[in-house]
Amino acid sequence: YIEAGTLLNMGRLARLLNQLQKDGYT
């Protein structure tokens, strides 16, 4: 569970999630 890699671009995902939170999403 710690060693697992990622299945998508985490930087892009983080930016999208942070923007969506600013827009009111949880």
mmCIF file of all heavy atoms, coordinates in Angstrom:
data_MODEL
# 
_entry.id   MODEL 
# 
loop_
_atom_site.group_PDB 
_atom_site.id 
_atom_site.type_symbol 
_atom_site.label_atom_id 
_atom_site.label_alt_id 
_atom_site.label_comp_id 
_atom_site.label_asym_id 
_atom_site.label_entity_id 
_atom_site.label_seq_id 
_atom_site.pdbx_PDB_ins_code 
_atom_site.Cartn_x 
_atom_site.Cartn_y 
_atom_site.Cartn_z 
_atom_site.occupancy 
_atom_site.B_iso_or_equiv 
_atom_site.pdbx_formal_charge 
_atom_site.auth_seq_id 
_atom_site.auth_comp_id 
_atom_site.auth_asym_id 
_atom_site.auth_atom_id 
_atom_site.pdbx_PDB_model_num 
ATOM 1   N N   . TYR A 1 1  ? 0.821   -1.213 0.000   1.00 0.00 ? 1  TYR A N   1 
ATOM 2   C CA  . TYR A 1 1  ? 0.000   0.000  0.000   1.00 0.00 ? 1  TYR A CA  1 
ATOM 3   C C   . TYR A 1 1  ? 0.857   1.265  0.000   1.00 0.00 ? 1  TYR A C   1 
ATOM 4   O O   . TYR A 1 1  ? 0.421   2.314  -0.464  1.00 0.00 ? 1  TYR A O   1 
ATOM 5   C CB  . TYR A 1 1  ? -0.945  0.016  1.203   1.00 0.00 ? 1  TYR A CB  1 
ATOM 6   C CG  . TYR A 1 1  ? -1.994  -1.070 1.152   1.00 0.00 ? 1  TYR A CG  1 
ATOM 7   C CD1 . TYR A 1 1  ? -1.956  -2.148 2.013   1.00 0.00 ? 1  TYR A CD1 1 
ATOM 8   C CD2 . TYR A 1 1  ? -3.032  -1.003 0.232   1.00 0.00 ? 1  TYR A CD2 1 
ATOM 9   C CE1 . TYR A 1 1  ? -2.923  -3.144 1.969   1.00 0.00 ? 1  TYR A CE1 1 
ATOM 10  C CE2 . TYR A 1 1  ? -4.005  -1.987 0.178   1.00 0.00 ? 1  TYR A CE2 1 
ATOM 11  C CZ  . TYR A 1 1  ? -3.941  -3.050 1.048   1.00 0.00 ? 1  TYR A CZ  1 
ATOM 12  O OH  . TYR A 1 1  ? -4.903  -4.031 0.994   1.00 0.00 ? 1  TYR A OH  1 
ATOM 13  N N   . ILE A 1 2  ? 2.067   1.157  0.522   1.00 0.00 ? 2  ILE A N   1 
ATOM 14  C CA  . ILE A 1 2  ? 2.996   2.294  0.512   1.00 0.00 ? 2  ILE A CA  1 
ATOM 15  C C   . ILE A 1 2  ? 3.779   2.324  -0.804  1.00 0.00 ? 2  ILE A C   1 
ATOM 16  O O   . ILE A 1 2  ? 4.005   3.383  -1.380  1.00 0.00 ? 2  ILE A O   1 
ATOM 17  C CB  . ILE A 1 2  ? 3.977   2.211  1.696   1.00 0.00 ? 2  ILE A CB  1 
ATOM 18  C CG1 . ILE A 1 2  ? 3.218   2.294  3.023   1.00 0.00 ? 2  ILE A CG1 1 
ATOM 19  C CG2 . ILE A 1 2  ? 5.027   3.319  1.615   1.00 0.00 ? 2  ILE A CG2 1 
ATOM 20  C CD1 . ILE A 1 2  ? 4.058   1.961  4.238   1.00 0.00 ? 2  ILE A CD1 1 
ATOM 21  N N   . GLU A 1 3  ? 4.182   1.138  -1.277  1.00 0.00 ? 3  GLU A N   1 
ATOM 22  C CA  . GLU A 1 3  ? 5.036   1.023  -2.464  1.00 0.00 ? 3  GLU A CA  1 
ATOM 23  C C   . GLU A 1 3  ? 4.291   1.262  -3.777  1.00 0.00 ? 3  GLU A C   1 
ATOM 24  O O   . GLU A 1 3  ? 4.927   1.487  -4.808  1.00 0.00 ? 3  GLU A O   1 
ATOM 25  C CB  . GLU A 1 3  ? 5.651   -0.377 -2.519  1.00 0.00 ? 3  GLU A CB  1 
ATOM 26  C CG  . GLU A 1 3  ? 6.592   -0.675 -1.386  1.00 0.00 ? 3  GLU A CG  1 
ATOM 27  C CD  . GLU A 1 3  ? 6.996   -2.142 -1.326  1.00 0.00 ? 3  GLU A CD  1 
ATOM 28  O OE1 . GLU A 1 3  ? 6.466   -2.966 -2.107  1.00 0.00 ? 3  GLU A OE1 1 
ATOM 29  O OE2 . GLU A 1 3  ? 7.847   -2.467 -0.471  1.00 0.00 ? 3  GLU A OE2 1 
ATOM 30  N N   . ALA A 1 4  ? 2.978   1.192  -3.754  1.00 0.00 ? 4  ALA A N   1 
ATOM 31  C CA  . ALA A 1 4  ? 2.195   1.331  -4.986  1.00 0.00 ? 4  ALA A CA  1 
ATOM 32  C C   . ALA A 1 4  ? 2.550   2.621  -5.718  1.00 0.00 ? 4  ALA A C   1 
ATOM 33  O O   . ALA A 1 4  ? 2.714   3.677  -5.102  1.00 0.00 ? 4  ALA A O   1 
ATOM 34  C CB  . ALA A 1 4  ? 0.704   1.304  -4.664  1.00 0.00 ? 4  ALA A CB  1 
ATOM 35  N N   . GLY A 1 5  ? 2.641   2.505  -7.026  1.00 0.00 ? 5  GLY A N   1 
ATOM 36  C CA  . GLY A 1 5  ? 2.854   3.689  -7.855  1.00 0.00 ? 5  GLY A CA  1 
ATOM 37  C C   . GLY A 1 5  ? 1.534   4.425  -8.060  1.00 0.00 ? 5  GLY A C   1 
ATOM 38  O O   . GLY A 1 5  ? 0.550   4.190  -7.349  1.00 0.00 ? 5  GLY A O   1 
ATOM 39  N N   . THR A 1 6  ? 1.519   5.297  -9.026  1.00 0.00 ? 6  THR A N   1 
ATOM 40  C CA  . THR A 1 6  ? 0.315   6.081  -9.308  1.00 0.00 ? 6  THR A CA  1 
ATOM 41  C C   . THR A 1 6  ? -0.254  5.665  -10.663 1.00 0.00 ? 6  THR A C   1 
ATOM 42  O O   . THR A 1 6  ? 0.454   5.161  -11.516 1.00 0.00 ? 6  THR A O   1 
ATOM 43  C CB  . THR A 1 6  ? 0.638   7.583  -9.328  1.00 0.00 ? 6  THR A CB  1 
ATOM 44  O OG1 . THR A 1 6  ? 1.586   7.833  -10.371 1.00 0.00 ? 6  THR A OG1 1 
ATOM 45  C CG2 . THR A 1 6  ? 1.203   8.036  -7.990  1.00 0.00 ? 6  THR A CG2 1 
ATOM 46  N N   . LEU A 1 7  ? -1.542  5.893  -10.824 1.00 0.00 ? 7  LEU A N   1 
ATOM 47  C CA  . LEU A 1 7  ? -2.201  5.530  -12.075 1.00 0.00 ? 7  LEU A CA  1 
ATOM 48  C C   . LEU A 1 7  ? -2.521  6.733  -12.959 1.00 0.00 ? 7  LEU A C   1 
ATOM 49  O O   . LEU A 1 7  ? -3.078  6.569  -14.039 1.00 0.00 ? 7  LEU A O   1 
ATOM 50  C CB  . LEU A 1 7  ? -3.488  4.749  -11.778 1.00 0.00 ? 7  LEU A CB  1 
ATOM 51  C CG  . LEU A 1 7  ? -3.228  3.318  -11.304 1.00 0.00 ? 7  LEU A CG  1 
ATOM 52  C CD1 . LEU A 1 7  ? -4.500  2.690  -10.765 1.00 0.00 ? 7  LEU A CD1 1 
ATOM 53  C CD2 . LEU A 1 7  ? -2.669  2.481  -12.444 1.00 0.00 ? 7  LEU A CD2 1 
ATOM 54  N N   . LEU A 1 8  ? -2.202  7.926  -12.492 1.00 0.00 ? 8  LEU A N   1 
ATOM 55  C CA  . LEU A 1 8  ? -2.387  9.117  -13.303 1.00 0.00 ? 8  LEU A CA  1 
ATOM 56  C C   . LEU A 1 8  ? -1.435  10.199 -12.821 1.00 0.00 ? 8  LEU A C   1 
ATOM 57  O O   . LEU A 1 8  ? -0.731  10.013 -11.835 1.00 0.00 ? 8  LEU A O   1 
ATOM 58  C CB  . LEU A 1 8  ? -3.844  9.587  -13.288 1.00 0.00 ? 8  LEU A CB  1 
ATOM 59  C CG  . LEU A 1 8  ? -4.469  9.993  -11.968 1.00 0.00 ? 8  LEU A CG  1 
ATOM 60  C CD1 . LEU A 1 8  ? -5.591  10.976 -12.244 1.00 0.00 ? 8  LEU A CD1 1 
ATOM 61  C CD2 . LEU A 1 8  ? -5.081  8.784  -11.276 1.00 0.00 ? 8  LEU A CD2 1 
ATOM 62  N N   . ASN A 1 9  ? -1.418  11.311 -13.495 1.00 0.00 ? 9  ASN A N   1 
ATOM 63  C CA  . ASN A 1 9  ? -0.538  12.413 -13.143 1.00 0.00 ? 9  ASN A CA  1 
ATOM 64  C C   . ASN A 1 9  ? -1.034  13.048 -11.843 1.00 0.00 ? 9  ASN A C   1 
ATOM 65  O O   . ASN A 1 9  ? -2.044  13.748 -11.830 1.00 0.00 ? 9  ASN A O   1 
ATOM 66  C CB  . ASN A 1 9  ? -0.532  13.428 -14.292 1.00 0.00 ? 9  ASN A CB  1 
ATOM 67  C CG  . ASN A 1 9  ? 0.371   14.594 -14.043 1.00 0.00 ? 9  ASN A CG  1 
ATOM 68  O OD1 . ASN A 1 9  ? 0.428   15.150 -12.953 1.00 0.00 ? 9  ASN A OD1 1 
ATOM 69  N ND2 . ASN A 1 9  ? 1.084   14.997 -15.082 1.00 0.00 ? 9  ASN A ND2 1 
ATOM 70  N N   . MET A 1 10 ? -0.322  12.797 -10.759 1.00 0.00 ? 10 MET A N   1 
ATOM 71  C CA  . MET A 1 10 ? -0.746  13.273 -9.440  1.00 0.00 ? 10 MET A CA  1 
ATOM 72  C C   . MET A 1 10 ? -0.662  14.789 -9.311  1.00 0.00 ? 10 MET A C   1 
ATOM 73  O O   . MET A 1 10 ? -1.471  15.394 -8.615  1.00 0.00 ? 10 MET A O   1 
ATOM 74  C CB  . MET A 1 10 ? 0.091   12.612 -8.346  1.00 0.00 ? 10 MET A CB  1 
ATOM 75  C CG  . MET A 1 10 ? -0.196  11.145 -8.166  1.00 0.00 ? 10 MET A CG  1 
ATOM 76  S SD  . MET A 1 10 ? -1.831  10.842 -7.446  1.00 0.00 ? 10 MET A SD  1 
ATOM 77  C CE  . MET A 1 10 ? -2.527  9.807  -8.693  1.00 0.00 ? 10 MET A CE  1 
ATOM 78  N N   . GLY A 1 11 ? 0.301   15.406 -9.978  1.00 0.00 ? 11 GLY A N   1 
ATOM 79  C CA  . GLY A 1 11 ? 0.380   16.867 -9.940  1.00 0.00 ? 11 GLY A CA  1 
ATOM 80  C C   . GLY A 1 11 ? -0.854  17.497 -10.551 1.00 0.00 ? 11 GLY A C   1 
ATOM 81  O O   . GLY A 1 11 ? -1.429  18.434 -9.989  1.00 0.00 ? 11 GLY A O   1 
ATOM 82  N N   . ARG A 1 12 ? -1.252  16.988 -11.694 1.00 0.00 ? 12 ARG A N   1 
ATOM 83  C CA  . ARG A 1 12 ? -2.459  17.506 -12.348 1.00 0.00 ? 12 ARG A CA  1 
ATOM 84  C C   . ARG A 1 12 ? -3.696  17.232 -11.495 1.00 0.00 ? 12 ARG A C   1 
ATOM 85  O O   . ARG A 1 12 ? -4.558  18.093 -11.339 1.00 0.00 ? 12 ARG A O   1 
ATOM 86  C CB  . ARG A 1 12 ? -2.611  16.889 -13.734 1.00 0.00 ? 12 ARG A CB  1 
ATOM 87  C CG  . ARG A 1 12 ? -3.800  17.455 -14.483 1.00 0.00 ? 12 ARG A CG  1 
ATOM 88  C CD  . ARG A 1 12 ? -3.784  17.087 -15.949 1.00 0.00 ? 12 ARG A CD  1 
ATOM 89  N NE  . ARG A 1 12 ? -5.000  17.582 -16.579 1.00 0.00 ? 12 ARG A NE  1 
ATOM 90  C CZ  . ARG A 1 12 ? -5.622  16.976 -17.562 1.00 0.00 ? 12 ARG A CZ  1 
ATOM 91  N NH1 . ARG A 1 12 ? -5.138  15.859 -18.074 1.00 0.00 ? 12 ARG A NH1 1 
ATOM 92  N NH2 . ARG A 1 12 ? -6.719  17.478 -18.071 1.00 0.00 ? 12 ARG A NH2 1 
ATOM 93  N N   . LEU A 1 13 ? -3.776  16.022 -10.938 1.00 0.00 ? 13 LEU A N   1 
ATOM 94  C CA  . LEU A 1 13 ? -4.922  15.685 -10.083 1.00 0.00 ? 13 LEU A CA  1 
ATOM 95  C C   . LEU A 1 13 ? -4.980  16.625 -8.881  1.00 0.00 ? 13 LEU A C   1 
ATOM 96  O O   . LEU A 1 13 ? -6.044  17.157 -8.559  1.00 0.00 ? 13 LEU A O   1 
ATOM 97  C CB  . LEU A 1 13 ? -4.830  14.231 -9.612  1.00 0.00 ? 13 LEU A CB  1 
ATOM 98  C CG  . LEU A 1 13 ? -5.936  13.773 -8.653  1.00 0.00 ? 13 LEU A CG  1 
ATOM 99  C CD1 . LEU A 1 13 ? -7.323  13.906 -9.285  1.00 0.00 ? 13 LEU A CD1 1 
ATOM 100 C CD2 . LEU A 1 13 ? -5.677  12.344 -8.192  1.00 0.00 ? 13 LEU A CD2 1 
ATOM 101 N N   . ALA A 1 14 ? -3.865  16.861 -8.240  1.00 0.00 ? 14 ALA A N   1 
ATOM 102 C CA  . ALA A 1 14 ? -3.834  17.744 -7.071  1.00 0.00 ? 14 ALA A CA  1 
ATOM 103 C C   . ALA A 1 14 ? -4.274  19.154 -7.439  1.00 0.00 ? 14 ALA A C   1 
ATOM 104 O O   . ALA A 1 14 ? -5.067  19.784 -6.711  1.00 0.00 ? 14 ALA A O   1 
ATOM 105 C CB  . ALA A 1 14 ? -2.433  17.756 -6.460  1.00 0.00 ? 14 ALA A CB  1 
ATOM 106 N N   . ARG A 1 15 ? -3.796  19.670 -8.563  1.00 0.00 ? 15 ARG A N   1 
ATOM 107 C CA  . ARG A 1 15 ? -4.193  21.016 -8.988  1.00 0.00 ? 15 ARG A CA  1 
ATOM 108 C C   . ARG A 1 15 ? -5.701  21.087 -9.225  1.00 0.00 ? 15 ARG A C   1 
ATOM 109 O O   . ARG A 1 15 ? -6.370  22.048 -8.808  1.00 0.00 ? 15 ARG A O   1 
ATOM 110 C CB  . ARG A 1 15 ? -3.430  21.449 -10.235 1.00 0.00 ? 15 ARG A CB  1 
ATOM 111 C CG  . ARG A 1 15 ? -1.978  21.817 -9.968  1.00 0.00 ? 15 ARG A CG  1 
ATOM 112 C CD  . ARG A 1 15 ? -1.284  22.425 -11.173 1.00 0.00 ? 15 ARG A CD  1 
ATOM 113 N NE  . ARG A 1 15 ? -1.174  21.537 -12.317 1.00 0.00 ? 15 ARG A NE  1 
ATOM 114 C CZ  . ARG A 1 15 ? -0.258  20.579 -12.463 1.00 0.00 ? 15 ARG A CZ  1 
ATOM 115 N NH1 . ARG A 1 15 ? 0.655   20.389 -11.522 1.00 0.00 ? 15 ARG A NH1 1 
ATOM 116 N NH2 . ARG A 1 15 ? -0.232  19.827 -13.547 1.00 0.00 ? 15 ARG A NH2 1 
ATOM 117 N N   . LEU A 1 16 ? -6.252  20.067 -9.895  1.00 0.00 ? 16 LEU A N   1 
ATOM 118 C CA  . LEU A 1 16 ? -7.697  20.036 -10.149 1.00 0.00 ? 16 LEU A CA  1 
ATOM 119 C C   . LEU A 1 16 ? -8.482  19.972 -8.842  1.00 0.00 ? 16 LEU A C   1 
ATOM 120 O O   . LEU A 1 16 ? -9.470  20.701 -8.657  1.00 0.00 ? 16 LEU A O   1 
ATOM 121 C CB  . LEU A 1 16 ? -8.062  18.848 -11.039 1.00 0.00 ? 16 LEU A CB  1 
ATOM 122 C CG  . LEU A 1 16 ? -7.736  18.966 -12.512 1.00 0.00 ? 16 LEU A CG  1 
ATOM 123 C CD1 . LEU A 1 16 ? -7.843  17.607 -13.204 1.00 0.00 ? 16 LEU A CD1 1 
ATOM 124 C CD2 . LEU A 1 16 ? -8.664  19.972 -13.185 1.00 0.00 ? 16 LEU A CD2 1 
ATOM 125 N N   . LEU A 1 17 ? -8.048  19.125 -7.925  1.00 0.00 ? 17 LEU A N   1 
ATOM 126 C CA  . LEU A 1 17 ? -8.766  18.988 -6.653  1.00 0.00 ? 17 LEU A CA  1 
ATOM 127 C C   . LEU A 1 17 ? -8.704  20.264 -5.831  1.00 0.00 ? 17 LEU A C   1 
ATOM 128 O O   . LEU A 1 17 ? -9.712  20.699 -5.255  1.00 0.00 ? 17 LEU A O   1 
ATOM 129 C CB  . LEU A 1 17 ? -8.219  17.805 -5.857  1.00 0.00 ? 17 LEU A CB  1 
ATOM 130 C CG  . LEU A 1 17 ? -8.469  16.430 -6.466  1.00 0.00 ? 17 LEU A CG  1 
ATOM 131 C CD1 . LEU A 1 17 ? -7.814  15.341 -5.625  1.00 0.00 ? 17 LEU A CD1 1 
ATOM 132 C CD2 . LEU A 1 17 ? -9.959  16.162 -6.636  1.00 0.00 ? 17 LEU A CD2 1 
ATOM 133 N N   . ASN A 1 18 ? -7.553  20.893 -5.790  1.00 0.00 ? 18 ASN A N   1 
ATOM 134 C CA  . ASN A 1 18 ? -7.429  22.151 -5.045  1.00 0.00 ? 18 ASN A CA  1 
ATOM 135 C C   . ASN A 1 18 ? -8.305  23.242 -5.654  1.00 0.00 ? 18 ASN A C   1 
ATOM 136 O O   . ASN A 1 18 ? -8.945  24.014 -4.928  1.00 0.00 ? 18 ASN A O   1 
ATOM 137 C CB  . ASN A 1 18 ? -5.962  22.584 -4.964  1.00 0.00 ? 18 ASN A CB  1 
ATOM 138 C CG  . ASN A 1 18 ? -5.173  21.709 -4.010  1.00 0.00 ? 18 ASN A CG  1 
ATOM 139 O OD1 . ASN A 1 18 ? -5.658  21.312 -2.957  1.00 0.00 ? 18 ASN A OD1 1 
ATOM 140 N ND2 . ASN A 1 18 ? -3.949  21.384 -4.381  1.00 0.00 ? 18 ASN A ND2 1 
ATOM 141 N N   . GLN A 1 19 ? -8.369  23.308 -6.986  1.00 0.00 ? 19 GLN A N   1 
ATOM 142 C CA  . GLN A 1 19 ? -9.232  24.289 -7.643  1.00 0.00 ? 19 GLN A CA  1 
ATOM 143 C C   . GLN A 1 19 ? -10.708 23.979 -7.379  1.00 0.00 ? 19 GLN A C   1 
ATOM 144 O O   . GLN A 1 19 ? -11.488 24.880 -7.089  1.00 0.00 ? 19 GLN A O   1 
ATOM 145 C CB  . GLN A 1 19 ? -8.969  24.324 -9.143  1.00 0.00 ? 19 GLN A CB  1 
ATOM 146 C CG  . GLN A 1 19 ? -9.782  25.391 -9.876  1.00 0.00 ? 19 GLN A CG  1 
ATOM 147 C CD  . GLN A 1 19 ? -9.507  26.787 -9.356  1.00 0.00 ? 19 GLN A CD  1 
ATOM 148 O OE1 . GLN A 1 19 ? -8.362  27.229 -9.314  1.00 0.00 ? 19 GLN A OE1 1 
ATOM 149 N NE2 . GLN A 1 19 ? -10.546 27.510 -8.934  1.00 0.00 ? 19 GLN A NE2 1 
ATOM 150 N N   . LEU A 1 20 ? -11.079 22.722 -7.466  1.00 0.00 ? 20 LEU A N   1 
ATOM 151 C CA  . LEU A 1 20 ? -12.476 22.356 -7.220  1.00 0.00 ? 20 LEU A CA  1 
ATOM 152 C C   . LEU A 1 20 ? -12.881 22.650 -5.772  1.00 0.00 ? 20 LEU A C   1 
ATOM 153 O O   . LEU A 1 20 ? -14.008 23.093 -5.524  1.00 0.00 ? 20 LEU A O   1 
ATOM 154 C CB  . LEU A 1 20 ? -12.715 20.887 -7.572  1.00 0.00 ? 20 LEU A CB  1 
ATOM 155 C CG  . LEU A 1 20 ? -12.700 20.597 -9.079  1.00 0.00 ? 20 LEU A CG  1 
ATOM 156 C CD1 . LEU A 1 20 ? -12.602 19.096 -9.343  1.00 0.00 ? 20 LEU A CD1 1 
ATOM 157 C CD2 . LEU A 1 20 ? -13.931 21.188 -9.763  1.00 0.00 ? 20 LEU A CD2 1 
ATOM 158 N N   . GLN A 1 21 ? -11.987 22.459 -4.840  1.00 0.00 ? 21 GLN A N   1 
ATOM 159 C CA  . GLN A 1 21 ? -12.292 22.822 -3.455  1.00 0.00 ? 21 GLN A CA  1 
ATOM 160 C C   . GLN A 1 21 ? -12.519 24.327 -3.329  1.00 0.00 ? 21 GLN A C   1 
ATOM 161 O O   . GLN A 1 21 ? -13.445 24.753 -2.635  1.00 0.00 ? 21 GLN A O   1 
ATOM 162 C CB  . GLN A 1 21 ? -11.174 22.383 -2.508  1.00 0.00 ? 21 GLN A CB  1 
ATOM 163 C CG  . GLN A 1 21 ? -11.284 20.938 -2.091  1.00 0.00 ? 21 GLN A CG  1 
ATOM 164 C CD  . GLN A 1 21 ? -10.205 20.553 -1.105  1.00 0.00 ? 21 GLN A CD  1 
ATOM 165 O OE1 . GLN A 1 21 ? -9.018  20.799 -1.343  1.00 0.00 ? 21 GLN A OE1 1 
ATOM 166 N NE2 . GLN A 1 21 ? -10.604 19.932 -0.020  1.00 0.00 ? 21 GLN A NE2 1 
ATOM 167 N N   . LYS A 1 22 ? -11.702 25.121 -3.992  1.00 0.00 ? 22 LYS A N   1 
ATOM 168 C CA  . LYS A 1 22 ? -11.902 26.580 -3.978  1.00 0.00 ? 22 LYS A CA  1 
ATOM 169 C C   . LYS A 1 22 ? -13.247 26.949 -4.573  1.00 0.00 ? 22 LYS A C   1 
ATOM 170 O O   . LYS A 1 22 ? -13.860 27.943 -4.190  1.00 0.00 ? 22 LYS A O   1 
ATOM 171 C CB  . LYS A 1 22 ? -10.778 27.278 -4.755  1.00 0.00 ? 22 LYS A CB  1 
ATOM 172 C CG  . LYS A 1 22 ? -9.462  27.288 -4.037  1.00 0.00 ? 22 LYS A CG  1 
ATOM 173 C CD  . LYS A 1 22 ? -8.386  27.948 -4.878  1.00 0.00 ? 22 LYS A CD  1 
ATOM 174 C CE  . LYS A 1 22 ? -7.033  27.798 -4.230  1.00 0.00 ? 22 LYS A CE  1 
ATOM 175 N NZ  . LYS A 1 22 ? -5.948  28.288 -5.079  1.00 0.00 ? 22 LYS A NZ  1 
ATOM 176 N N   . ASP A 1 23 ? -13.721 26.122 -5.516  1.00 0.00 ? 23 ASP A N   1 
ATOM 177 C CA  . ASP A 1 23 ? -15.012 26.362 -6.164  1.00 0.00 ? 23 ASP A CA  1 
ATOM 178 C C   . ASP A 1 23 ? -16.191 25.819 -5.347  1.00 0.00 ? 23 ASP A C   1 
ATOM 179 O O   . ASP A 1 23 ? -17.331 25.893 -5.802  1.00 0.00 ? 23 ASP A O   1 
ATOM 180 C CB  . ASP A 1 23 ? -15.032 25.734 -7.564  1.00 0.00 ? 23 ASP A CB  1 
ATOM 181 C CG  . ASP A 1 23 ? -14.058 26.408 -8.520  1.00 0.00 ? 23 ASP A CG  1 
ATOM 182 O OD1 . ASP A 1 23 ? -13.597 27.540 -8.235  1.00 0.00 ? 23 ASP A OD1 1 
ATOM 183 O OD2 . ASP A 1 23 ? -13.741 25.794 -9.562  1.00 0.00 ? 23 ASP A OD2 1 
ATOM 184 N N   . GLY A 1 24 ? -15.913 25.224 -4.182  1.00 0.00 ? 24 GLY A N   1 
ATOM 185 C CA  . GLY A 1 24 ? -16.987 24.780 -3.306  1.00 0.00 ? 24 GLY A CA  1 
ATOM 186 C C   . GLY A 1 24 ? -17.206 23.277 -3.210  1.00 0.00 ? 24 GLY A C   1 
ATOM 187 O O   . GLY A 1 24 ? -18.073 22.832 -2.456  1.00 0.00 ? 24 GLY A O   1 
ATOM 188 N N   . TYR A 1 25 ? -16.462 22.487 -3.963  1.00 0.00 ? 25 TYR A N   1 
ATOM 189 C CA  . TYR A 1 25 ? -16.582 21.037 -3.862  1.00 0.00 ? 25 TYR A CA  1 
ATOM 190 C C   . TYR A 1 25 ? -15.874 20.544 -2.604  1.00 0.00 ? 25 TYR A C   1 
ATOM 191 O O   . TYR A 1 25 ? -14.888 21.148 -2.164  1.00 0.00 ? 25 TYR A O   1 
ATOM 192 C CB  . TYR A 1 25 ? -15.940 20.346 -5.071  1.00 0.00 ? 25 TYR A CB  1 
ATOM 193 C CG  . TYR A 1 25 ? -16.727 20.472 -6.345  1.00 0.00 ? 25 TYR A CG  1 
ATOM 194 C CD1 . TYR A 1 25 ? -16.601 21.597 -7.159  1.00 0.00 ? 25 TYR A CD1 1 
ATOM 195 C CD2 . TYR A 1 25 ? -17.599 19.461 -6.744  1.00 0.00 ? 25 TYR A CD2 1 
ATOM 196 C CE1 . TYR A 1 25 ? -17.321 21.707 -8.338  1.00 0.00 ? 25 TYR A CE1 1 
ATOM 197 C CE2 . TYR A 1 25 ? -18.321 19.556 -7.920  1.00 0.00 ? 25 TYR A CE2 1 
ATOM 198 C CZ  . TYR A 1 25 ? -18.181 20.688 -8.709  1.00 0.00 ? 25 TYR A CZ  1 
ATOM 199 O OH  . TYR A 1 25 ? -18.898 20.799 -9.876  1.00 0.00 ? 25 TYR A OH  1 
ATOM 200 N N   . THR A 1 26 ? -16.357 19.455 -2.043  1.00 0.00 ? 26 THR A N   1 
ATOM 201 C CA  . THR A 1 26 ? -15.618 18.757 -1.000  1.00 0.00 ? 26 THR A CA  1 
ATOM 202 C C   . THR A 1 26 ? -15.069 17.477 -1.624  1.00 0.00 ? 26 THR A C   1 
ATOM 203 O O   . THR A 1 26 ? -15.650 16.947 -2.576  1.00 0.00 ? 26 THR A O   1 
ATOM 204 C CB  . THR A 1 26 ? -16.493 18.430 0.226   1.00 0.00 ? 26 THR A CB  1 
ATOM 205 O OG1 . THR A 1 26 ? -17.620 17.659 -0.188  1.00 0.00 ? 26 THR A OG1 1 
ATOM 206 C CG2 . THR A 1 26 ? -16.993 19.696 0.908   1.00 0.00 ? 26 THR A CG2 1 
# 
